[in-house]
Protein backbone atom coordinates (compact mmCIF):
# COMPACT_ATOMS: atom_id res chain seq x y z
CA MET A 1 38.59 258.18 42.60
CA SER A 2 37.86 254.51 41.86
CA LYS A 3 35.41 252.58 44.00
CA GLN A 4 36.63 249.98 46.48
CA LYS A 5 35.94 246.49 45.17
CA ILE A 6 34.04 244.00 47.30
CA ILE A 7 33.70 240.35 46.34
CA ILE A 8 30.86 238.45 48.03
CA ILE A 9 30.96 234.65 48.07
CA GLY A 10 27.49 233.14 47.72
CA SER A 11 24.12 234.65 46.90
CA GLY A 12 21.88 233.61 49.78
CA PHE A 13 19.65 236.06 51.64
CA SER A 14 22.48 237.47 53.76
CA SER A 15 24.74 237.99 50.75
CA LEU A 16 22.02 239.65 48.69
CA SER A 17 21.14 241.86 51.64
CA ALA A 18 24.77 242.90 52.18
CA SER A 19 25.30 243.51 48.47
CA CYS A 20 22.43 246.03 48.41
CA TYR A 21 23.64 247.97 51.44
CA LEU A 22 27.25 248.04 50.24
CA ALA A 23 26.37 249.04 46.69
CA LYS A 24 24.17 251.83 48.05
CA LYS A 25 27.19 253.12 49.98
CA GLY A 26 29.23 253.35 46.80
CA TYR A 27 31.21 250.11 46.73
CA ASP A 28 31.84 248.14 43.54
CA VAL A 29 30.15 244.84 44.48
CA THR A 30 30.43 241.49 42.73
CA ILE A 31 28.70 238.30 43.91
CA LEU A 32 30.23 234.95 42.96
CA GLU A 33 27.68 232.15 43.19
CA LYS A 34 28.62 228.46 43.01
CA ASN A 35 25.32 227.25 41.58
CA LYS A 36 23.40 228.04 38.40
CA THR A 37 20.79 230.18 40.13
CA VAL A 38 20.82 232.93 42.76
CA GLY A 39 19.42 232.43 46.25
CA GLY A 40 21.68 230.04 48.12
CA ARG A 41 19.49 227.49 49.89
CA ALA A 42 16.40 229.33 48.65
CA ARG A 43 16.06 227.92 45.16
CA GLN A 44 13.27 226.55 42.99
CA LEU A 45 12.50 223.17 41.49
CA LYS A 46 10.28 223.17 38.42
CA LYS A 47 8.94 219.93 36.99
CA ASP A 48 5.96 219.06 34.79
CA GLY A 49 4.17 222.30 35.60
CA PHE A 50 4.86 222.05 39.33
CA VAL A 51 6.92 224.70 41.16
CA PHE A 52 8.56 224.04 44.54
CA ASP A 53 10.54 226.20 46.92
CA THR A 54 13.50 223.94 47.69
CA GLY A 55 14.55 225.94 50.75
CA PRO A 56 12.56 228.14 53.18
CA THR A 57 8.77 228.00 52.91
CA PHE A 58 7.66 229.98 56.00
CA TYR A 59 7.39 233.78 55.67
CA TRP A 60 7.48 235.10 59.24
CA MET A 61 8.41 238.50 60.71
CA PRO A 62 7.13 240.53 57.74
CA ASP A 63 8.31 243.71 59.47
CA VAL A 64 11.95 242.66 58.95
CA PHE A 65 11.41 242.18 55.21
CA GLU A 66 9.60 245.51 55.00
CA ARG A 67 12.36 247.28 56.90
CA PHE A 68 14.94 245.90 54.47
CA PHE A 69 13.15 247.19 51.38
CA ASN A 70 12.26 250.48 53.10
CA ASP A 71 16.00 251.09 53.55
CA PHE A 72 16.14 251.48 49.77
CA ASN A 73 13.00 253.61 49.49
CA THR A 74 11.01 250.67 48.18
CA SER A 75 8.49 248.25 49.65
CA THR A 76 7.71 244.55 49.44
CA ASN A 77 4.60 245.62 47.52
CA ASP A 78 6.84 246.92 44.75
CA TYR A 79 8.11 243.41 44.10
CA TYR A 80 5.67 240.74 45.26
CA LYS A 81 2.19 240.29 46.70
CA LEU A 82 1.80 238.89 50.21
CA ASN A 83 -1.19 236.89 51.37
CA LYS A 84 -1.80 236.20 55.05
CA LEU A 85 -2.60 232.52 55.54
CA ASN A 86 -5.67 231.38 57.45
CA PRO A 87 -5.11 228.98 59.02
CA ALA A 88 -1.53 230.02 59.53
CA TYR A 89 -0.77 226.34 59.93
CA GLU A 90 -2.29 223.11 61.18
CA ILE A 91 -0.81 220.59 63.61
CA TYR A 92 -1.80 216.93 63.59
CA PHE A 93 -1.40 215.02 66.85
CA GLY A 94 -2.96 211.77 65.66
CA LYS A 95 -5.58 210.33 63.35
CA ASN A 96 -8.23 212.95 62.58
CA ASP A 97 -6.86 214.93 65.52
CA SER A 98 -5.58 218.36 64.53
CA ILE A 99 -5.57 221.97 65.69
CA LYS A 100 -5.63 224.87 63.26
CA ILE A 101 -3.94 228.11 64.23
CA SER A 102 -5.97 231.08 63.05
CA ASP A 103 -4.62 234.31 61.58
CA ASN A 104 -6.42 236.16 64.40
CA PHE A 105 -5.08 236.17 67.95
CA GLU A 106 -8.52 236.30 69.59
CA ASP A 107 -9.45 233.15 67.70
CA ILE A 108 -6.21 231.50 68.86
CA LYS A 109 -7.04 232.36 72.48
CA ASN A 110 -10.49 230.83 72.02
CA THR A 111 -8.90 227.69 70.58
CA PHE A 112 -6.64 227.39 73.63
CA GLU A 113 -9.56 228.05 75.99
CA SER A 114 -11.64 225.32 74.34
CA ILE A 115 -8.87 222.80 75.04
CA GLU A 116 -7.82 223.91 78.54
CA LYS A 117 -9.98 226.12 80.71
CA GLY A 118 -8.21 229.33 81.70
CA SER A 119 -5.48 228.96 79.08
CA GLY A 120 -6.85 231.80 76.94
CA ASN A 121 -6.02 234.41 79.59
CA LYS A 122 -2.71 232.71 80.33
CA LEU A 123 -1.85 232.82 76.63
CA GLN A 124 -2.55 236.56 76.64
CA LYS A 125 -0.05 237.05 79.48
CA PHE A 126 2.49 234.82 77.74
CA ILE A 127 2.20 236.79 74.49
CA ASN A 128 2.40 240.11 76.34
CA LYS A 129 5.82 239.01 77.63
CA ALA A 130 6.76 237.72 74.21
CA HIS A 131 5.83 241.10 72.70
CA VAL A 132 8.17 242.91 75.09
CA ASN A 133 10.95 240.49 74.19
CA TYR A 134 10.27 240.97 70.49
CA GLU A 135 10.65 244.73 70.84
CA ILE A 136 13.90 244.30 72.77
CA ALA A 137 15.23 241.70 70.33
CA ILE A 138 14.47 243.69 67.19
CA LYS A 139 15.40 247.12 68.54
CA ASP A 140 18.26 246.36 70.95
CA LEU A 141 19.81 243.00 70.07
CA VAL A 142 19.63 241.48 66.60
CA TYR A 143 21.00 244.50 64.75
CA LYS A 144 24.18 244.43 66.87
CA PRO A 145 27.36 242.95 65.34
CA GLY A 146 28.31 240.71 68.26
CA VAL A 147 31.69 242.39 68.79
CA ASN A 148 31.36 242.54 72.57
CA VAL A 149 28.81 241.64 75.20
CA PHE A 150 28.21 245.28 76.19
CA GLU A 151 26.24 245.75 72.96
CA ILE A 152 23.38 243.86 74.54
CA ILE A 153 23.68 244.82 78.19
CA ASN A 154 21.34 247.63 79.13
CA LYS A 155 18.55 248.21 81.62
CA LYS A 156 16.00 246.36 79.49
CA THR A 157 18.13 243.28 78.94
CA PHE A 158 19.48 243.24 82.48
CA LEU A 159 15.92 242.87 83.75
CA LYS A 160 15.54 239.92 81.40
CA LEU A 161 18.60 237.96 82.53
CA TYR A 162 16.51 235.27 84.21
CA GLU A 163 14.90 234.56 80.83
CA PHE A 164 18.29 233.48 79.49
CA ILE A 165 18.54 230.88 82.27
CA LEU A 166 14.97 229.59 82.10
CA THR A 167 14.26 227.49 78.99
CA ILE A 168 11.33 227.74 76.62
CA LYS A 169 10.14 224.31 77.71
CA GLN A 170 10.19 225.33 81.39
CA GLN A 171 8.42 228.61 80.69
CA VAL A 172 5.70 227.09 78.53
CA SER A 173 4.89 224.41 81.12
CA GLY A 174 4.28 227.21 83.62
CA TYR A 175 1.48 228.62 81.47
CA VAL A 176 -0.35 225.62 80.01
CA GLN A 177 -0.60 221.99 81.13
CA ASP A 178 -2.17 220.40 78.05
CA LYS A 179 0.54 218.60 76.07
CA LYS A 180 -0.84 219.66 72.71
CA LEU A 181 -0.89 223.32 73.68
CA GLN A 182 2.65 222.99 75.01
CA LYS A 183 3.79 221.60 71.65
CA ILE A 184 2.14 224.49 69.85
CA LEU A 185 3.95 227.04 72.03
CA GLU A 186 7.26 225.19 71.70
CA PHE A 187 7.01 224.85 67.92
CA PRO A 188 8.24 228.36 66.84
CA VAL A 189 11.67 227.99 68.49
CA LEU A 190 12.36 225.03 66.21
CA PHE A 191 13.15 227.69 63.60
CA LEU A 192 16.13 228.59 65.81
CA GLY A 193 17.52 225.11 65.37
CA ALA A 194 17.59 223.93 69.00
CA LYS A 195 15.42 221.93 71.37
CA PRO A 196 12.90 223.90 73.47
CA SER A 197 14.63 222.38 76.50
CA ASN A 198 17.91 223.97 75.39
CA THR A 199 16.63 227.36 74.17
CA PRO A 200 16.50 230.40 76.50
CA SER A 201 12.95 231.50 77.27
CA PHE A 202 13.81 234.98 76.02
CA TYR A 203 13.35 233.55 72.54
CA ASN A 204 9.61 233.35 73.17
CA PHE A 205 9.54 236.45 70.99
CA MET A 206 9.12 233.87 68.20
CA ASN A 207 5.66 233.17 69.62
CA TYR A 208 4.78 236.84 69.18
CA ALA A 209 5.97 236.62 65.57
CA ASP A 210 3.81 233.53 65.17
CA PHE A 211 0.53 234.53 66.82
CA LYS A 212 0.52 238.31 66.37
CA LEU A 213 2.48 239.02 63.16
CA GLY A 214 1.12 235.97 61.38
CA THR A 215 2.22 233.58 58.65
CA TRP A 216 2.35 234.95 55.12
CA HIS A 217 2.88 233.61 51.63
CA PRO A 218 4.38 235.54 48.71
CA GLU A 219 2.44 234.74 45.55
CA GLY A 220 4.72 232.55 43.49
CA GLY A 221 6.54 231.25 46.56
CA MET A 222 9.51 232.30 48.68
CA TYR A 223 11.68 232.49 45.59
CA GLU A 224 9.84 235.71 44.74
CA VAL A 225 11.76 237.30 47.63
CA VAL A 226 15.04 236.14 46.10
CA LYS A 227 14.01 237.57 42.73
CA ALA A 228 13.03 240.85 44.38
CA MET A 229 16.34 241.19 46.19
CA THR A 230 18.23 240.26 43.03
CA THR A 231 16.37 242.91 41.07
CA LEU A 232 17.10 245.48 43.75
CA ALA A 233 20.78 244.52 43.92
CA LYS A 234 21.23 244.80 40.16
CA SER A 235 19.45 248.17 40.13
CA LEU A 236 22.07 249.36 42.63
CA GLY A 237 24.89 248.21 40.36
CA VAL A 238 25.71 244.80 41.86
CA THR A 239 27.26 242.28 39.46
CA ILE A 240 26.17 238.67 39.97
CA ILE A 241 28.14 235.84 38.38
CA THR A 242 26.70 232.32 38.71
CA GLU A 243 28.45 228.95 38.25
CA SER A 244 31.54 230.47 39.84
CA ALA A 245 32.59 228.47 42.87
CA VAL A 246 35.43 230.13 44.76
CA GLU A 247 38.32 227.67 44.99
CA LYS A 248 41.09 229.72 46.57
CA ILE A 249 41.61 232.92 48.54
CA ASP A 250 44.95 234.69 48.08
CA THR A 251 46.35 236.92 50.82
CA VAL A 252 49.31 239.24 51.22
CA HIS A 253 50.32 240.52 54.66
CA LYS A 254 47.09 239.18 56.17
CA LYS A 255 44.88 240.88 53.60
CA VAL A 256 42.83 239.25 50.87
CA THR A 257 43.99 240.40 47.47
CA ARG A 258 42.07 238.13 45.12
CA VAL A 259 39.97 234.98 44.83
CA LEU A 260 39.98 232.20 42.24
CA ALA A 261 36.64 231.12 40.80
CA ASN A 262 35.98 229.09 37.66
CA ASN A 263 39.64 229.45 36.58
CA GLN A 264 39.50 233.22 36.82
CA TRP A 265 41.07 235.52 39.38
CA TYR A 266 39.00 238.35 40.84
CA SER A 267 40.87 241.09 42.70
CA CYS A 268 39.22 242.81 45.65
CA ASP A 269 39.79 245.29 48.44
CA ILE A 270 37.38 243.49 50.76
CA LEU A 271 36.06 239.93 50.79
CA LEU A 272 32.72 238.99 52.34
CA SER A 273 31.58 235.39 52.55
CA GLY A 274 27.94 234.44 52.88
CA ALA A 275 28.91 230.86 52.09
CA ASP A 276 29.56 228.19 54.70
CA TYR A 277 31.90 229.71 57.29
CA HIS A 278 33.95 226.56 57.85
CA HIS A 279 34.34 225.92 54.12
CA THR A 280 35.40 229.51 53.45
CA GLU A 281 38.20 229.26 55.98
CA THR A 282 39.49 226.08 54.35
CA LEU A 283 40.24 228.22 51.28
CA LEU A 284 42.76 230.17 53.37
CA GLN A 285 46.21 229.05 54.42
CA LYS A 286 46.04 227.30 57.79
CA ASP A 287 47.61 230.01 59.92
CA LEU A 288 44.91 232.47 58.82
CA ARG A 289 41.98 230.30 59.88
CA GLN A 290 40.25 231.42 63.08
CA TYR A 291 38.41 228.25 63.98
CA SER A 292 39.77 224.71 64.03
CA ASN A 293 37.93 221.54 63.06
CA GLN A 294 37.75 220.76 66.77
CA TYR A 295 35.96 224.09 67.35
CA TRP A 296 33.31 223.31 64.75
CA ASP A 297 32.94 219.72 65.87
CA LYS A 298 32.06 220.83 69.40
CA LYS A 299 29.34 223.22 68.25
CA ILE A 300 25.64 222.37 68.43
CA PHE A 301 24.35 222.50 64.89
CA ALA A 302 20.78 222.94 63.87
CA PRO A 303 19.36 219.90 62.09
CA SER A 304 19.91 218.79 58.57
CA ALA A 305 16.86 217.65 56.64
CA LEU A 306 15.47 214.97 54.39
CA LEU A 307 13.23 216.76 51.92
CA PHE A 308 10.79 215.43 49.37
CA TYR A 309 9.22 217.40 46.51
CA VAL A 310 6.14 215.54 45.35
CA GLY A 311 3.64 216.05 42.56
CA PHE A 312 0.17 214.56 43.13
CA ASN A 313 -2.36 214.02 40.37
CA LYS A 314 -5.25 215.27 42.53
CA LYS A 315 -6.11 217.87 45.15
CA ILE A 316 -5.50 216.75 48.73
CA GLU A 317 -8.13 217.15 51.41
CA ASN A 318 -7.70 217.48 55.19
CA VAL A 319 -4.39 219.37 55.11
CA SER A 320 -3.51 223.09 55.23
CA HIS A 321 -0.88 225.08 53.33
CA HIS A 322 1.51 224.48 56.26
CA THR A 323 0.85 221.22 58.11
CA LEU A 324 2.90 219.79 60.98
CA PHE A 325 2.71 216.10 61.81
CA PHE A 326 3.38 215.84 65.53
CA ASP A 327 1.82 212.41 65.96
CA THR A 328 4.95 210.96 67.58
CA ASP A 329 7.02 211.96 70.59
CA PHE A 330 9.17 215.03 69.91
CA ASP A 331 11.64 214.40 72.74
CA THR A 332 12.42 210.95 71.35
CA HIS A 333 12.95 212.40 67.87
CA ALA A 334 15.05 215.28 69.24
CA LYS A 335 17.41 212.85 70.97
CA THR A 336 18.23 211.26 67.62
CA ILE A 337 19.11 214.68 66.21
CA TYR A 338 21.15 216.20 69.04
CA ASP A 339 22.31 213.27 71.18
CA THR A 340 22.52 209.86 69.49
CA LYS A 341 22.77 211.32 65.96
CA GLU A 342 20.90 208.53 64.22
CA TRP A 343 17.78 208.11 62.14
CA ALA A 344 14.59 208.32 64.19
CA GLU A 345 12.28 205.33 64.09
CA LYS A 346 9.19 207.53 63.69
CA PRO A 347 10.24 211.16 63.14
CA LEU A 348 8.01 214.17 63.26
CA PHE A 349 7.75 215.92 59.91
CA TYR A 350 6.39 218.99 58.18
CA GLY A 351 4.35 219.27 55.02
CA SER A 352 3.87 222.29 52.81
CA PHE A 353 1.08 222.23 50.24
CA PRO A 354 1.51 225.61 48.52
CA SER A 355 -0.92 224.87 45.71
CA ILE A 356 -3.77 224.99 48.24
CA THR A 357 -3.44 228.79 48.26
CA ASP A 358 -1.18 229.48 45.26
CA ALA A 359 -2.41 228.24 41.88
CA SER A 360 1.00 228.87 40.30
CA SER A 361 2.49 225.99 42.31
CA ALA A 362 0.77 223.16 40.43
CA PRO A 363 -1.29 222.43 37.31
CA ASN A 364 -5.06 222.75 37.69
CA GLY A 365 -6.55 219.94 39.75
CA LYS A 366 -3.16 218.75 41.04
CA GLU A 367 -1.24 219.33 44.27
CA ALA A 368 2.36 220.25 45.01
CA ALA A 369 3.76 218.97 48.30
CA ILE A 370 7.01 219.57 50.12
CA PHE A 371 7.83 217.27 53.04
CA LEU A 372 10.66 217.87 55.52
CA ILE A 373 12.02 215.51 58.16
CA PRO A 374 14.55 217.11 60.56
CA ILE A 375 17.57 214.84 60.98
CA ALA A 376 21.03 214.89 62.54
CA PRO A 377 23.81 216.49 60.47
CA ASP A 378 26.34 214.14 58.86
CA ILE A 379 24.00 211.18 59.18
CA GLU A 380 24.12 208.26 56.73
CA ASP A 381 22.36 209.19 53.49
CA THR A 382 21.51 206.53 50.91
CA PRO A 383 18.77 206.12 48.27
CA GLU A 384 17.41 203.17 50.25
CA ILE A 385 17.09 205.23 53.44
CA ARG A 386 15.39 208.05 51.56
CA GLN A 387 12.85 205.69 50.03
CA LYS A 388 12.19 204.00 53.37
CA TYR A 389 11.26 207.31 54.97
CA PHE A 390 9.22 208.47 52.01
CA ASP A 391 7.13 205.30 52.23
CA GLN A 392 6.69 205.78 55.99
CA LEU A 393 5.79 209.43 55.52
CA ILE A 394 3.12 208.73 52.90
CA ASN A 395 1.66 205.89 55.00
CA ARG A 396 1.39 208.15 58.03
CA VAL A 397 -0.18 211.02 56.08
CA GLU A 398 -2.73 208.58 54.70
CA SER A 399 -3.49 207.15 58.14
CA ILE A 400 -3.66 210.51 59.91
CA THR A 401 -5.73 212.39 57.34
CA GLY A 402 -7.78 209.53 55.92
CA GLU A 403 -6.55 210.50 52.46
CA SER A 404 -5.51 207.96 49.80
CA LEU A 405 -2.22 209.16 48.31
CA LYS A 406 0.12 206.35 47.22
CA ASN A 407 -1.45 205.83 43.83
CA SER A 408 -1.67 209.57 43.20
CA VAL A 409 2.08 210.28 43.26
CA LEU A 410 3.20 211.52 39.85
CA PHE A 411 6.83 211.93 40.90
CA GLN A 412 9.05 212.47 43.92
CA GLU A 413 12.40 214.23 44.17
CA SER A 414 14.50 214.02 47.33
CA TYR A 415 17.20 216.18 48.92
CA CYS A 416 19.33 215.28 51.91
CA VAL A 417 22.73 215.49 53.65
CA LYS A 418 24.83 214.65 50.60
CA ASP A 419 23.06 217.34 48.58
CA PHE A 420 23.58 220.02 51.23
CA LYS A 421 27.28 219.19 51.24
CA ASN A 422 27.59 219.10 47.46
CA ASP A 423 25.51 222.19 46.63
CA TYR A 424 26.40 224.45 49.55
CA ASN A 425 29.64 223.04 51.01
CA SER A 426 27.55 222.81 54.15
CA TYR A 427 29.45 221.68 57.26
CA LYS A 428 28.28 218.12 57.99
CA GLY A 429 25.40 218.76 55.62
CA ASN A 430 23.55 220.97 58.10
CA ALA A 431 20.49 222.77 56.75
CA TYR A 432 20.04 225.66 59.20
CA GLY A 433 23.42 226.63 60.62
CA LEU A 434 24.26 226.84 64.33
CA ALA A 435 21.52 226.32 66.89
CA ASN A 436 20.63 229.37 68.98
CA THR A 437 21.44 227.96 72.39
CA LEU A 438 22.54 230.09 75.34
CA MET A 439 26.21 229.29 74.71
CA GLN A 440 25.87 230.06 71.00
CA THR A 441 24.16 233.43 71.25
CA HIS A 442 25.47 236.83 70.12
CA VAL A 443 29.17 237.22 71.08
CA LEU A 444 29.50 233.44 71.44
CA ARG A 445 28.83 232.87 67.73
CA PRO A 446 31.57 232.92 65.04
CA LYS A 447 32.54 236.52 64.34
CA LEU A 448 31.40 238.66 61.42
CA LYS A 449 34.93 240.05 61.04
CA SER A 450 37.93 237.78 60.76
CA LYS A 451 40.37 238.11 63.63
CA LYS A 452 43.29 237.07 61.42
CA VAL A 453 42.60 238.60 58.02
CA ASP A 454 42.08 242.36 58.05
CA ASN A 455 39.64 242.64 55.15
CA LEU A 456 37.72 239.36 55.44
CA TYR A 457 34.13 239.27 56.70
CA PHE A 458 31.34 236.73 57.08
CA CYS A 459 27.54 236.79 57.17
CA GLY A 460 24.71 234.30 57.27
CA GLN A 461 23.34 231.53 59.42
CA LEU A 462 26.61 230.45 61.06
CA THR A 463 27.32 233.90 62.45
CA VAL A 464 25.32 236.80 63.94
CA PRO A 465 22.39 236.93 64.60
CA GLY A 466 21.55 233.31 63.69
CA PRO A 467 19.56 230.93 61.48
CA GLY A 468 16.43 231.82 59.52
CA VAL A 469 15.52 234.14 56.67
CA PRO A 470 14.82 237.34 58.67
CA PRO A 471 18.08 236.95 60.65
CA SER A 472 19.91 236.48 57.34
CA LEU A 473 18.56 239.79 56.04
CA ILE A 474 19.71 241.39 59.28
CA SER A 475 23.11 239.70 59.07
CA GLY A 476 23.67 241.32 55.69
CA LYS A 477 22.90 244.74 57.12
CA ILE A 478 25.06 244.53 60.23
CA VAL A 479 28.09 243.13 58.41
CA SER A 480 27.76 245.99 55.92
CA ASP A 481 27.77 248.49 58.78
CA LEU A 482 30.85 246.77 60.18
CA ILE A 483 32.64 247.01 56.83
CA LEU A 484 31.79 250.70 56.61
CA LYS A 485 33.15 251.23 60.10
CA HIS A 486 36.50 249.62 59.35
CA HIS A 487 36.92 250.59 55.71
CA LYS A 488 35.74 254.16 55.33
CA LYS A 489 36.45 255.38 51.82
């Protein structure tokens, strides 16, 4: 008996994850990837001996990665080496004014206590709650497919209902009063793509992931995870075809029969898209699309980003592997992203300097730097605007750290809204998918299974469970389980 054929559009983390689970279950799996390399948004830029992760740079929730590989009787150690970063990251609040977050929770408590008396014990209580929420989230919530609300209603979650009404910002202010400490506790939810003032306090489980599970770095960069998953997928029999953008989806009687990519038709029994959800539906005839343009336009999207990949001709002092520049007002910046949708006058930004801990990132004696400014999706994107913000960014890093940098720039490459649209067909050029707000959680997110096409499925950051690398791995697993449920061989 021949195997059922599954075509997967895109090769991001969720697609690679799903391909492994489906191939293991005996499906004939083919991935069609638009770009030259595998990994979706997680790609690499190599230039003059420098190596940059062009997408995700934070490795959080190592237990989720380990669980994925364990499902195939392997381990992360079989593919890449992880190093725990110390400091996990550093946050600058002004000139020569920074706080380093240790890799040890007791040290973090001492740091808090040194800034605000009594906050060490309060932090312990806060993290105890966050730990409970992490256990509930990982064991009871995120591995559910979002088919109906009863998946997540049980005694544990019922007792937590108030935490879906209270926001992270409100909860944090009840524990610490110092503004810097509040920013530190609010920071992790930014990975969920929404403002702390618009994110349910239940998501404080991200603080547990931060302070207790730690920040890690795969030697060679995050792309090592992509390479590991690709190797695993191929070992399970998955076929991966790059430079094959899907241009059309053919259906008969509300079932996908084949897809057109690079002037070639690929027949399939099941179609799974890990590509942009909105874009995928535009490849269908109109009456088979679930969500209108009006639906998408009303959604709260996580930010887009202006990214810079910079090679410096010297080592940089006074920064850490992960460095956050919170020297301006976050609320003012956030309004430009979510409300006014315009460029911020003085945005907060993030810097990654991987060559501080990973020699493979830059030639000896030089430094690789990745800078990211969160911005509103679909914002104006021109070379002049990019250069303006690069100049501001370098000036601020120089002022804040006391480091001379302008004359040490060997090159700079930028990436912004137009690139997200062109490379990933990203809706409005968003970088992180849909924000995890209360009204965009679980069953209120776009569905994994199409309601109008019987054998069409979706995974990734625009559906369940949400944005981020660990959720993408999980998305691949739960959509695979859903496919198995509805299409038993």
